[in-house]
Amino acid sequence: MTRMALIARLRAKPGRRDELLDVLGEGLSAAEDEPGTLVYLMHADDADDDVVWFYELYTHAAAFEEHRTSERMRGMKPLLGELLAGPVDLVKGHLVGGSVSAEMWAEPE
């Protein structure tokens, strides 16, 4: 089965990225409990103070649909509606290779 990859770009309303990060951050640990969610990483954009990026990797497209339609995600929609400047930009693909160092999970010095 093909692993589904996703890059999501979220633009907060001007000056509200920290609030958006807080709301989104509350859901990070819940992704660990989703059986088909392999990677769920949130990033703050260095060049644009209103943008948040996600890199997500799922066992298959159905796992993404389960994530997208989960109770947690449905519960976040009203809050996201208040914080987002527009629709989420999604780029979908599939994993063809790569490498992840164990240092990724080490605390920065």
PDB file of N, CA and C in Angstrom:
ATOM      1  N   MET A   1       0.839  -1.177   0.000  1.00  0.00           N
ATOM      2  CA  MET A   1       0.000   0.000   0.000  1.00  0.00           C
ATOM      3  C   MET A   1       0.891   1.249   0.000  1.00  0.00           C
ATOM      4  N   THR A   2       0.488   2.280  -0.726  1.00  0.00           N
ATOM      5  CA  THR A   2       1.266   3.507  -0.852  1.00  0.00           C
ATOM      6  C   THR A   2       1.054   4.414   0.357  1.00  0.00           C
ATOM      7  N   ARG A   3       2.156   4.894   0.926  1.00  0.00           N
ATOM      8  CA  ARG A   3       2.082   5.831   2.048  1.00  0.00           C
ATOM      9  C   ARG A   3       1.755   7.222   1.501  1.00  0.00           C
ATOM     10  N   MET A   4       0.748   7.849   2.073  1.00  0.00           N
ATOM     11  CA  MET A   4       0.314   9.166   1.623  1.00  0.00           C
ATOM     12  C   MET A   4       1.042  10.255   2.400  1.00  0.00           C
ATOM     13  N   ALA A   5       1.620  11.197   1.662  1.00  0.00           N
ATOM     14  CA  ALA A   5       2.299  12.343   2.265  1.00  0.00           C
ATOM     15  C   ALA A   5       1.467  13.595   2.012  1.00  0.00           C
ATOM     16  N   LEU A   6       1.562  14.528   2.934  1.00  0.00           N
ATOM     17  CA  LEU A   6       0.780  15.747   2.828  1.00  0.00           C
ATOM     18  C   LEU A   6       1.586  16.905   3.397  1.00  0.00           C
ATOM     19  N   ILE A   7       1.586  18.008   2.676  1.00  0.00           N
ATOM     20  CA  ILE A   7       2.130  19.263   3.197  1.00  0.00           C
ATOM     21  C   ILE A   7       0.961  20.237   3.247  1.00  0.00           C
ATOM     22  N   ALA A   8       0.741  20.821   4.411  1.00  0.00           N
ATOM     23  CA  ALA A   8      -0.370  21.756   4.593  1.00  0.00           C
ATOM     24  C   ALA A   8       0.186  23.116   4.996  1.00  0.00           C
ATOM     25  N   ARG A   9      -0.336  24.161   4.370  1.00  0.00           N
ATOM     26  CA  ARG A   9       0.048  25.536   4.686  1.00  0.00           C
ATOM     27  C   ARG A   9      -1.181  26.246   5.230  1.00  0.00           C
ATOM     28  N   LEU A  10      -1.049  26.759   6.452  1.00  0.00           N
ATOM     29  CA  LEU A  10      -2.145  27.472   7.100  1.00  0.00           C
ATOM     30  C   LEU A  10      -1.710  28.912   7.335  1.00  0.00           C
ATOM     31  N   ARG A  11      -2.526  29.856   6.914  1.00  0.00           N
ATOM     32  CA  ARG A  11      -2.227  31.272   7.134  1.00  0.00           C
ATOM     33  C   ARG A  11      -3.173  31.810   8.204  1.00  0.00           C
ATOM     34  N   ALA A  12      -2.575  32.265   9.300  1.00  0.00           N
ATOM     35  CA  ALA A  12      -3.357  32.874  10.375  1.00  0.00           C
ATOM     36  C   ALA A  12      -3.757  34.292   9.980  1.00  0.00           C
ATOM     37  N   LYS A  13      -4.818  34.766  10.583  1.00  0.00           N
ATOM     38  CA  LYS A  13      -5.147  36.177  10.432  1.00  0.00           C
ATOM     39  C   LYS A  13      -3.964  36.966  10.984  1.00  0.00           C
ATOM     40  N   PRO A  14      -3.711  38.171  10.459  1.00  0.00           N
ATOM     41  CA  PRO A  14      -2.528  38.930  10.874  1.00  0.00           C
ATOM     42  C   PRO A  14      -2.376  39.014  12.393  1.00  0.00           C
ATOM     43  N   GLY A  15      -1.174  38.642  12.850  1.00  0.00           N
ATOM     44  CA  GLY A  15      -0.836  38.728  14.267  1.00  0.00           C
ATOM     45  C   GLY A  15      -1.406  37.626  15.145  1.00  0.00           C
ATOM     46  N   ARG A  16      -2.031  36.603  14.551  1.00  0.00           N
ATOM     47  CA  ARG A  16      -2.691  35.574  15.372  1.00  0.00           C
ATOM     48  C   ARG A  16      -2.041  34.196  15.246  1.00  0.00           C
ATOM     49  N   ARG A  17      -0.816  34.152  14.706  1.00  0.00           N
ATOM     50  CA  ARG A  17      -0.172  32.851  14.540  1.00  0.00           C
ATOM     51  C   ARG A  17       0.065  32.147  15.873  1.00  0.00           C
ATOM     52  N   ASP A  18       0.477  32.864  16.902  1.00  0.00           N
ATOM     53  CA  ASP A  18       0.724  32.209  18.191  1.00  0.00           C
ATOM     54  C   ASP A  18      -0.544  31.549  18.730  1.00  0.00           C
ATOM     55  N   GLU A  19      -1.685  32.200  18.559  1.00  0.00           N
ATOM     56  CA  GLU A  19      -2.955  31.590  18.967  1.00  0.00           C
ATOM     57  C   GLU A  19      -3.228  30.332  18.145  1.00  0.00           C
ATOM     58  N   LEU A  20      -2.955  30.417  16.844  1.00  0.00           N
ATOM     59  CA  LEU A  20      -3.152  29.265  15.969  1.00  0.00           C
ATOM     60  C   LEU A  20      -2.241  28.116  16.387  1.00  0.00           C
ATOM     61  N   LEU A  21      -0.979  28.428  16.691  1.00  0.00           N
ATOM     62  CA  LEU A  21      -0.046  27.390  17.139  1.00  0.00           C
ATOM     63  C   LEU A  21      -0.532  26.730  18.427  1.00  0.00           C
ATOM     64  N   ASP A  22      -1.083  27.524  19.338  1.00  0.00           N
ATOM     65  CA  ASP A  22      -1.604  26.966  20.593  1.00  0.00           C
ATOM     66  C   ASP A  22      -2.750  25.989  20.329  1.00  0.00           C
ATOM     67  N   VAL A  23      -3.692  26.393  19.490  1.00  0.00           N
ATOM     68  CA  VAL A  23      -4.847  25.535  19.184  1.00  0.00           C
ATOM     69  C   VAL A  23      -4.383  24.263  18.487  1.00  0.00           C
ATOM     70  N   LEU A  24      -3.530  24.416  17.485  1.00  0.00           N
ATOM     71  CA  LEU A  24      -3.040  23.250  16.750  1.00  0.00           C
ATOM     72  C   LEU A  24      -2.172  22.363  17.634  1.00  0.00           C
ATOM     73  N   GLY A  25      -1.393  22.977  18.506  1.00  0.00           N
ATOM     74  CA  GLY A  25      -0.508  22.225  19.389  1.00  0.00           C
ATOM     75  C   GLY A  25      -1.256  21.302  20.328  1.00  0.00           C
ATOM     76  N   GLU A  26      -2.469  21.685  20.702  1.00  0.00           N
ATOM     77  CA  GLU A  26      -3.277  20.842  21.586  1.00  0.00           C
ATOM     78  C   GLU A  26      -3.608  19.505  20.938  1.00  0.00           C
ATOM     79  N   GLY A  27      -3.599  19.456  19.615  1.00  0.00           N
ATOM     80  CA  GLY A  27      -3.945  18.231  18.916  1.00  0.00           C
ATOM     81  C   GLY A  27      -2.775  17.356  18.533  1.00  0.00           C
ATOM     82  N   LEU A  28      -1.552  17.822  18.774  1.00  0.00           N
ATOM     83  CA  LEU A  28      -0.385  17.047  18.343  1.00  0.00           C
ATOM     84  C   LEU A  28      -0.322  15.680  19.003  1.00  0.00           C
ATOM     85  N   SER A  29      -0.550  15.626  20.298  1.00  0.00           N
ATOM     86  CA  SER A  29      -0.453  14.334  20.979  1.00  0.00           C
ATOM     87  C   SER A  29      -1.575  13.390  20.554  1.00  0.00           C
ATOM     88  N   ALA A  30      -2.722  13.938  20.173  1.00  0.00           N
ATOM     89  CA  ALA A  30      -3.830  13.086  19.717  1.00  0.00           C
ATOM     90  C   ALA A  30      -3.462  12.351  18.437  1.00  0.00           C
ATOM     91  N   ALA A  31      -2.625  12.958  17.600  1.00  0.00           N
ATOM     92  CA  ALA A  31      -2.210  12.306  16.353  1.00  0.00           C
ATOM     93  C   ALA A  31      -1.425  11.026  16.644  1.00  0.00           C
ATOM     94  N   GLU A  32      -0.744  10.978  17.782  1.00  0.00           N
ATOM     95  CA  GLU A  32       0.003   9.770  18.158  1.00  0.00           C
ATOM     96  C   GLU A  32      -0.923   8.575  18.351  1.00  0.00           C
ATOM     97  N   ASP A  33      -2.174   8.833  18.678  1.00  0.00           N
ATOM     98  CA  ASP A  33      -3.138   7.759  18.922  1.00  0.00           C
ATOM     99  C   ASP A  33      -3.893   7.333  17.667  1.00  0.00           C
ATOM    100  N   GLU A  34      -3.643   8.007  16.553  1.00  0.00           N
ATOM    101  CA  GLU A  34      -4.289   7.634  15.297  1.00  0.00           C
ATOM    102  C   GLU A  34      -3.455   6.541  14.637  1.00  0.00           C
ATOM    103  N   PRO A  35      -3.984   5.334  14.509  1.00  0.00           N
ATOM    104  CA  PRO A  35      -3.169   4.207  14.039  1.00  0.00           C
ATOM    105  C   PRO A  35      -2.529   4.397  12.668  1.00  0.00           C
ATOM    106  N   GLY A  36      -3.147   5.137  11.771  1.00  0.00           N
ATOM    107  CA  GLY A  36      -2.577   5.308  10.439  1.00  0.00           C
ATOM    108  C   GLY A  36      -1.717   6.539  10.271  1.00  0.00           C
ATOM    109  N   THR A  37      -1.561   7.344  11.335  1.00  0.00           N
ATOM    110  CA  THR A  37      -0.739   8.554  11.260  1.00  0.00           C
ATOM    111  C   THR A  37       0.683   8.198  11.658  1.00  0.00           C
ATOM    112  N   LEU A  38       1.610   8.294  10.703  1.00  0.00           N
ATOM    113  CA  LEU A  38       3.007   7.935  10.950  1.00  0.00           C
ATOM    114  C   LEU A  38       3.841   9.135  11.367  1.00  0.00           C
ATOM    115  N   VAL A  39       3.623  10.286  10.720  1.00  0.00           N
ATOM    116  CA  VAL A  39       4.374  11.514  11.002  1.00  0.00           C
ATOM    117  C   VAL A  39       3.379  12.669  10.992  1.00  0.00           C
ATOM    118  N   TYR A  40       3.492  13.547  11.989  1.00  0.00           N
ATOM    119  CA  TYR A  40       2.595  14.704  12.089  1.00  0.00           C
ATOM    120  C   TYR A  40       3.413  15.826  12.720  1.00  0.00           C
ATOM    121  N   LEU A  41       4.042  16.640  11.889  1.00  0.00           N
ATOM    122  CA  LEU A  41       4.987  17.655  12.361  1.00  0.00           C
ATOM    123  C   LEU A  41       4.489  19.059  12.032  1.00  0.00           C
ATOM    124  N   MET A  42       4.519  19.943  13.016  1.00  0.00           N
ATOM    125  CA  MET A  42       4.084  21.327  12.851  1.00  0.00           C
ATOM    126  C   MET A  42       5.314  22.231  12.828  1.00  0.00           C
ATOM    127  N   HIS A  43       5.308  23.212  11.915  1.00  0.00           N
ATOM    128  CA  HIS A  43       6.441  24.126  11.745  1.00  0.00           C
ATOM    129  C   HIS A  43       5.936  25.565  11.675  1.00  0.00           C
ATOM    130  N   ALA A  44       6.678  26.491  12.262  1.00  0.00           N
ATOM    131  CA  ALA A  44       6.418  27.915  12.100  1.00  0.00           C
ATOM    132  C   ALA A  44       7.304  28.421  10.963  1.00  0.00           C
ATOM    133  N   ASP A  45       6.727  29.173  10.048  1.00  0.00           N
ATOM    134  CA  ASP A  45       7.459  29.710   8.903  1.00  0.00           C
ATOM    135  C   ASP A  45       8.399  30.817   9.377  1.00  0.00           C
ATOM    136  N   ASP A  46       9.660  30.756   8.967  1.00  0.00           N
ATOM    137  CA  ASP A  46      10.634  31.778   9.367  1.00  0.00           C
ATOM    138  C   ASP A  46      10.491  33.072   8.570  1.00  0.00           C
ATOM    139  N   ALA A  47       9.937  32.990   7.361  1.00  0.00           N
ATOM    140  CA  ALA A  47       9.854  34.161   6.493  1.00  0.00           C
ATOM    141  C   ALA A  47       8.510  34.885   6.593  1.00  0.00           C
ATOM    142  N   ASP A  48       7.502  34.226   7.112  1.00  0.00           N
ATOM    143  CA  ASP A  48       6.165  34.821   7.176  1.00  0.00           C
ATOM    144  C   ASP A  48       5.578  34.552   8.562  1.00  0.00           C
ATOM    145  N   ASP A  49       5.422  35.605   9.336  1.00  0.00           N
ATOM    146  CA  ASP A  49       4.977  35.482  10.728  1.00  0.00           C
ATOM    147  C   ASP A  49       3.538  35.011  10.898  1.00  0.00           C
ATOM    148  N   ASP A  50       2.812  34.852   9.802  1.00  0.00           N
ATOM    149  CA  ASP A  50       1.426  34.410   9.906  1.00  0.00           C
ATOM    150  C   ASP A  50       1.215  32.979   9.412  1.00  0.00           C
ATOM    151  N   VAL A  51       2.290  32.292   9.006  1.00  0.00           N
ATOM    152  CA  VAL A  51       2.145  30.982   8.360  1.00  0.00           C
ATOM    153  C   VAL A  51       2.647  29.846   9.247  1.00  0.00           C
ATOM    154  N   VAL A  52       1.880  28.746   9.220  1.00  0.00           N
ATOM    155  CA  VAL A  52       2.222  27.486   9.880  1.00  0.00           C
ATOM    156  C   VAL A  52       2.198  26.404   8.810  1.00  0.00           C
ATOM    157  N   TRP A  53       3.185  25.511   8.859  1.00  0.00           N
ATOM    158  CA  TRP A  53       3.276  24.383   7.927  1.00  0.00           C
ATOM    159  C   TRP A  53       3.125  23.080   8.696  1.00  0.00           C
ATOM    160  N   PHE A  54       2.540  22.097   8.055  1.00  0.00           N
ATOM    161  CA  PHE A  54       2.511  20.730   8.577  1.00  0.00           C
ATOM    162  C   PHE A  54       3.105  19.802   7.538  1.00  0.00           C
ATOM    163  N   TYR A  55       3.881  18.833   8.014  1.00  0.00           N
ATOM    164  CA  TYR A  55       4.259  17.697   7.181  1.00  0.00           C
ATOM    165  C   TYR A  55       3.607  16.491   7.828  1.00  0.00           C
ATOM    166  N   GLU A  56       2.853  15.745   7.028  1.00  0.00           N
ATOM    167  CA  GLU A  56       2.115  14.601   7.550  1.00  0.00           C
ATOM    168  C   GLU A  56       2.375  13.390   6.662  1.00  0.00           C
ATOM    169  N   LEU A  57       2.460  12.230   7.280  1.00  0.00           N
ATOM    170  CA  LEU A  57       2.643  10.983   6.542  1.00  0.00           C
ATOM    171  C   LEU A  57       1.688   9.950   7.121  1.00  0.00           C
ATOM    172  N   TYR A  58       0.933   9.317   6.229  1.00  0.00           N
ATOM    173  CA  TYR A  58      -0.086   8.347   6.624  1.00  0.00           C
ATOM    174  C   TYR A  58       0.183   7.008   5.955  1.00  0.00           C
ATOM    175  N   THR A  59      -0.299   5.938   6.577  1.00  0.00           N
ATOM    176  CA  THR A  59      -0.112   4.605   6.012  1.00  0.00           C
ATOM    177  C   THR A  59      -0.794   4.481   4.658  1.00  0.00           C
ATOM    178  N   HIS A  60      -1.891   5.202   4.465  1.00  0.00           N
ATOM    179  CA  HIS A  60      -2.627   5.192   3.201  1.00  0.00           C
ATOM    180  C   HIS A  60      -3.648   6.332   3.232  1.00  0.00           C
ATOM    181  N   ALA A  61      -4.286   6.604   2.102  1.00  0.00           N
ATOM    182  CA  ALA A  61      -5.224   7.720   1.996  1.00  0.00           C
ATOM    183  C   ALA A  61      -6.390   7.592   2.973  1.00  0.00           C
ATOM    184  N   ALA A  62      -6.845   6.382   3.233  1.00  0.00           N
ATOM    185  CA  ALA A  62      -7.960   6.197   4.170  1.00  0.00           C
ATOM    186  C   ALA A  62      -7.582   6.655   5.579  1.00  0.00           C
ATOM    187  N   ALA A  63      -6.323   6.495   5.955  1.00  0.00           N
ATOM    188  CA  ALA A  63      -5.868   6.952   7.279  1.00  0.00           C
ATOM    189  C   ALA A  63      -5.943   8.474   7.367  1.00  0.00           C
ATOM    190  N   PHE A  64      -5.609   9.165   6.270  1.00  0.00           N
ATOM    191  CA  PHE A  64      -5.746  10.623   6.253  1.00  0.00           C
ATOM    192  C   PHE A  64      -7.216  11.010   6.403  1.00  0.00           C
ATOM    193  N   GLU A  65      -8.097  10.325   5.715  1.00  0.00           N
ATOM    194  CA  GLU A  65      -9.530  10.622   5.828  1.00  0.00           C
ATOM    195  C   GLU A  65     -10.014  10.412   7.259  1.00  0.00           C
ATOM    196  N   GLU A  66      -9.522   9.371   7.915  1.00  0.00           N
ATOM    197  CA  GLU A  66      -9.885   9.139   9.317  1.00  0.00           C
ATOM    198  C   GLU A  66      -9.398  10.287  10.193  1.00  0.00           C
ATOM    199  N   HIS A  67      -8.183  10.769   9.933  1.00  0.00           N
ATOM    200  CA  HIS A  67      -7.635  11.906  10.675  1.00  0.00           C
ATOM    201  C   HIS A  67      -8.480  13.155  10.413  1.00  0.00           C
ATOM    202  N   ARG A  68      -8.726  13.425   9.137  1.00  0.00           N
ATOM    203  CA  ARG A  68      -9.434  14.640   8.722  1.00  0.00           C
ATOM    204  C   ARG A  68     -10.853  14.702   9.289  1.00  0.00           C
ATOM    205  N   THR A  69     -11.492  13.557   9.418  1.00  0.00           N
ATOM    206  CA  THR A  69     -12.886  13.527   9.877  1.00  0.00           C
ATOM    207  C   THR A  69     -13.020  13.124  11.346  1.00  0.00           C
ATOM    208  N   SER A  70     -11.899  13.075  12.057  1.00  0.00           N
ATOM    209  CA  SER A  70     -11.930  12.665  13.465  1.00  0.00           C
ATOM    210  C   SER A  70     -12.708  13.672  14.316  1.00  0.00           C
ATOM    211  N   GLU A  71     -13.160  13.208  15.455  1.00  0.00           N
ATOM    212  CA  GLU A  71     -13.888  14.069  16.385  1.00  0.00           C
ATOM    213  C   GLU A  71     -13.035  15.272  16.789  1.00  0.00           C
ATOM    214  N   ARG A  72     -11.751  15.043  17.004  1.00  0.00           N
ATOM    215  CA  ARG A  72     -10.844  16.136  17.389  1.00  0.00           C
ATOM    216  C   ARG A  72     -10.792  17.206  16.311  1.00  0.00           C
ATOM    217  N   MET A  73     -10.652  16.784  15.046  1.00  0.00           N
ATOM    218  CA  MET A  73     -10.566  17.752  13.955  1.00  0.00           C
ATOM    219  C   MET A  73     -11.893  18.493  13.785  1.00  0.00           C
ATOM    220  N   ARG A  74     -12.997  17.783  13.903  1.00  0.00           N
ATOM    221  CA  ARG A  74     -14.311  18.440  13.800  1.00  0.00           C
ATOM    222  C   ARG A  74     -14.477  19.462  14.922  1.00  0.00           C
ATOM    223  N   GLY A  75     -13.986  19.135  16.113  1.00  0.00           N
ATOM    224  CA  GLY A  75     -14.091  20.051  17.240  1.00  0.00           C
ATOM    225  C   GLY A  75     -13.229  21.295  17.094  1.00  0.00           C
ATOM    226  N   MET A  76     -12.154  21.199  16.319  1.00  0.00           N
ATOM    227  CA  MET A  76     -11.250  22.333  16.129  1.00  0.00           C
ATOM    228  C   MET A  76     -11.758  23.315  15.078  1.00  0.00           C
ATOM    229  N   LYS A  77     -12.643  22.888  14.197  1.00  0.00           N
ATOM    230  CA  LYS A  77     -13.069  23.733  13.073  1.00  0.00           C
ATOM    231  C   LYS A  77     -13.575  25.111  13.486  1.00  0.00           C
ATOM    232  N   PRO A  78     -14.422  25.235  14.521  1.00  0.00           N
ATOM    233  CA  PRO A  78     -14.870  26.582  14.893  1.00  0.00           C
ATOM    234  C   PRO A  78     -13.711  27.490  15.320  1.00  0.00           C
ATOM    235  N   LEU A  79     -12.768  26.947  16.085  1.00  0.00           N
ATOM    236  CA  LEU A  79     -11.612  27.742  16.513  1.00  0.00           C
ATOM    237  C   LEU A  79     -10.750  28.122  15.326  1.00  0.00           C
ATOM    238  N   LEU A  80     -10.520  27.171  14.430  1.00  0.00           N
ATOM    239  CA  LEU A  80      -9.707  27.458  13.252  1.00  0.00           C
ATOM    240  C   LEU A  80     -10.376  28.505  12.379  1.00  0.00           C
ATOM    241  N   GLY A  81     -11.691  28.448  12.282  1.00  0.00           N
ATOM    242  CA  GLY A  81     -12.419  29.439  11.490  1.00  0.00           C
ATOM    243  C   GLY A  81     -12.189  30.854  11.986  1.00  0.00           C
ATOM    244  N   GLU A  82     -12.005  31.006  13.287  1.00  0.00           N
ATOM    245  CA  GLU A  82     -11.743  32.325  13.867  1.00  0.00           C
ATOM    246  C   GLU A  82     -10.307  32.782  13.634  1.00  0.00           C
ATOM    247  N   LEU A  83      -9.391  31.841  13.467  1.00  0.00           N
ATOM    248  CA  LEU A  83      -7.965  32.172  13.417  1.00  0.00           C
ATOM    249  C   LEU A  83      -7.368  32.182  12.020  1.00  0.00           C
ATOM    250  N   LEU A  84      -7.950  31.442  11.092  1.00  0.00           N
ATOM    251  CA  LEU A  84      -7.371  31.329   9.753  1.00  0.00           C
ATOM    252  C   LEU A  84      -7.819  32.473   8.851  1.00  0.00           C
ATOM    253  N   ALA A  85      -6.879  32.942   8.015  1.00  0.00           N
ATOM    254  CA  ALA A  85      -7.168  34.017   7.072  1.00  0.00           C
ATOM    255  C   ALA A  85      -7.841  33.500   5.807  1.00  0.00           C
ATOM    256  N   GLY A  86      -7.797  32.197   5.589  1.00  0.00           N
ATOM    257  CA  GLY A  86      -8.386  31.611   4.388  1.00  0.00           C
ATOM    258  C   GLY A  86      -8.303  30.107   4.455  1.00  0.00           C
ATOM    259  N   PRO A  87      -8.617  29.450   3.345  1.00  0.00           N
ATOM    260  CA  PRO A  87      -8.579  27.982   3.337  1.00  0.00           C
ATOM    261  C   PRO A  87      -7.155  27.449   3.488  1.00  0.00           C
ATOM    262  N   VAL A  88      -7.053  26.227   3.975  1.00  0.00           N
ATOM    263  CA  VAL A  88      -5.763  25.548   4.118  1.00  0.00           C
ATOM    264  C   VAL A  88      -5.309  25.094   2.735  1.00  0.00           C
ATOM    265  N   ASP A  89      -4.042  25.365   2.402  1.00  0.00           N
ATOM    266  CA  ASP A  89      -3.463  24.890   1.143  1.00  0.00           C
ATOM    267  C   ASP A  89      -2.874  23.508   1.388  1.00  0.00           C
ATOM    268  N   LEU A  90      -3.302  22.524   0.604  1.00  0.00           N
ATOM    269  CA  LEU A  90      -2.813  21.152   0.745  1.00  0.00           C
ATOM    270  C   LEU A  90      -2.083  20.715  -0.513  1.00  0.00           C
ATOM    271  N   VAL A  91      -0.941  20.060  -0.312  1.00  0.00           N
ATOM    272  CA  VAL A  91      -0.214  19.404  -1.396  1.00  0.00           C
ATOM    273  C   VAL A  91      -0.122  17.939  -1.008  1.00  0.00           C
ATOM    274  N   LYS A  92      -0.696  17.066  -1.841  1.00  0.00           N
ATOM    275  CA  LYS A  92      -0.701  15.631  -1.545  1.00  0.00           C
ATOM    276  C   LYS A  92       0.281  14.920  -2.460  1.00  0.00           C
ATOM    277  N   GLY A  93       0.912  13.895  -1.922  1.00  0.00           N
ATOM    278  CA  GLY A  93       1.837  13.075  -2.690  1.00  0.00           C
ATOM    279  C   GLY A  93       1.951  11.711  -2.039  1.00  0.00           C
ATOM    280  N   HIS A  94       2.995  10.992  -2.419  1.00  0.00           N
ATOM    281  CA  HIS A  94       3.236   9.695  -1.785  1.00  0.00           C
ATOM    282  C   HIS A  94       4.732   9.525  -1.565  1.00  0.00           C
ATOM    283  N   LEU A  95       5.062   8.803  -0.528  1.00  0.00           N
ATOM    284  CA  LEU A  95       6.448   8.590  -0.130  1.00  0.00           C
ATOM    285  C   LEU A  95       7.158   7.699  -1.140  1.00  0.00           C
ATOM    286  N   VAL A  96       8.339   8.147  -1.587  1.00  0.00           N
ATOM    287  CA  VAL A  96       9.150   7.326  -2.493  1.00  0.00           C
ATOM    288  C   VAL A  96      10.514   7.004  -1.897  1.00  0.00           C
ATOM    289  N   GLY A  97      10.871   7.599  -0.754  1.00  0.00           N
ATOM    290  CA  GLY A  97      12.148   7.312  -0.104  1.00  0.00           C
ATOM    291  C   GLY A  97      12.502   8.412   0.868  1.00  0.00           C
ATOM    292  N   GLY A  98      13.626   8.238   1.559  1.00  0.00           N
ATOM    293  CA  GLY A  98      14.079   9.267   2.476  1.00  0.00           C
ATOM    294  C   GLY A  98      14.831   8.694   3.655  1.00  0.00           C
ATOM    295  N   SER A  99      15.170   9.578   4.579  1.00  0.00           N
ATOM    296  CA  SER A  99      15.925   9.193   5.759  1.00  0.00           C
ATOM    297  C   SER A  99      15.544  10.124   6.901  1.00  0.00           C
ATOM    298  N   VAL A 100      15.493   9.593   8.106  1.00  0.00           N
ATOM    299  CA  VAL A 100      15.245  10.395   9.299  1.00  0.00           C
ATOM    300  C   VAL A 100      16.302  10.022  10.326  1.00  0.00           C
ATOM    301  N   SER A 101      17.056  11.003  10.766  1.00  0.00           N
ATOM    302  CA  SER A 101      18.095  10.781  11.767  1.00  0.00           C
ATOM    303  C   SER A 101      17.480  10.692  13.156  1.00  0.00           C
ATOM    304  N   ALA A 102      18.064   9.886  14.011  1.00  0.00           N
ATOM    305  CA  ALA A 102      17.617   9.802  15.405  1.00  0.00           C
ATOM    306  C   ALA A 102      17.782  11.145  16.104  1.00  0.00           C
ATOM    307  N   GLU A 103      18.685  11.994  15.595  1.00  0.00           N
ATOM    308  CA  GLU A 103      18.895  13.319  16.178  1.00  0.00           C
ATOM    309  C   GLU A 103      17.658  14.198  16.056  1.00  0.00           C
ATOM    310  N   MET A 104      16.768  13.854  15.149  1.00  0.00           N
ATOM    311  CA  MET A 104      15.552  14.644  14.977  1.00  0.00           C
ATOM    312  C   MET A 104      14.796  14.766  16.291  1.00  0.00           C
ATOM    313  N   TRP A 105      14.825  13.736  17.098  1.00  0.00           N
ATOM    314  CA  TRP A 105      14.051  13.719  18.335  1.00  0.00           C
ATOM    315  C   TRP A 105      14.862  14.178  19.545  1.00  0.00           C
ATOM    316  N   ALA A 106      16.147  14.483  19.367  1.00  0.00           N
ATOM    317  CA  ALA A 106      16.987  14.950  20.473  1.00  0.00           C
ATOM    318  C   ALA A 106      16.680  16.417  20.770  1.00  0.00           C
ATOM    319  N   GLU A 107      16.799  16.795  22.010  1.00  0.00           N
ATOM    320  CA  GLU A 107      16.603  18.189  22.400  1.00  0.00           C
ATOM    321  C   GLU A 107      17.739  19.038  21.844  1.00  0.00           C
ATOM    322  N   PRO A 108      17.428  20.223  21.266  1.00  0.00           N
ATOM    323  CA  PRO A 108      18.491  21.101  20.772  1.00  0.00           C
ATOM    324  C   PRO A 108      19.346  21.613  21.926  1.00  0.00           C
ATOM    325  N   GLU A 109      20.609  21.813  21.626  1.00  0.00           N
ATOM    326  CA  GLU A 109      21.525  22.312  22.667  1.00  0.00           C
ATOM    327  C   GLU A 109      21.496  23.808  22.748  1.00  0.00           C
TER     328      GLU A 109
END
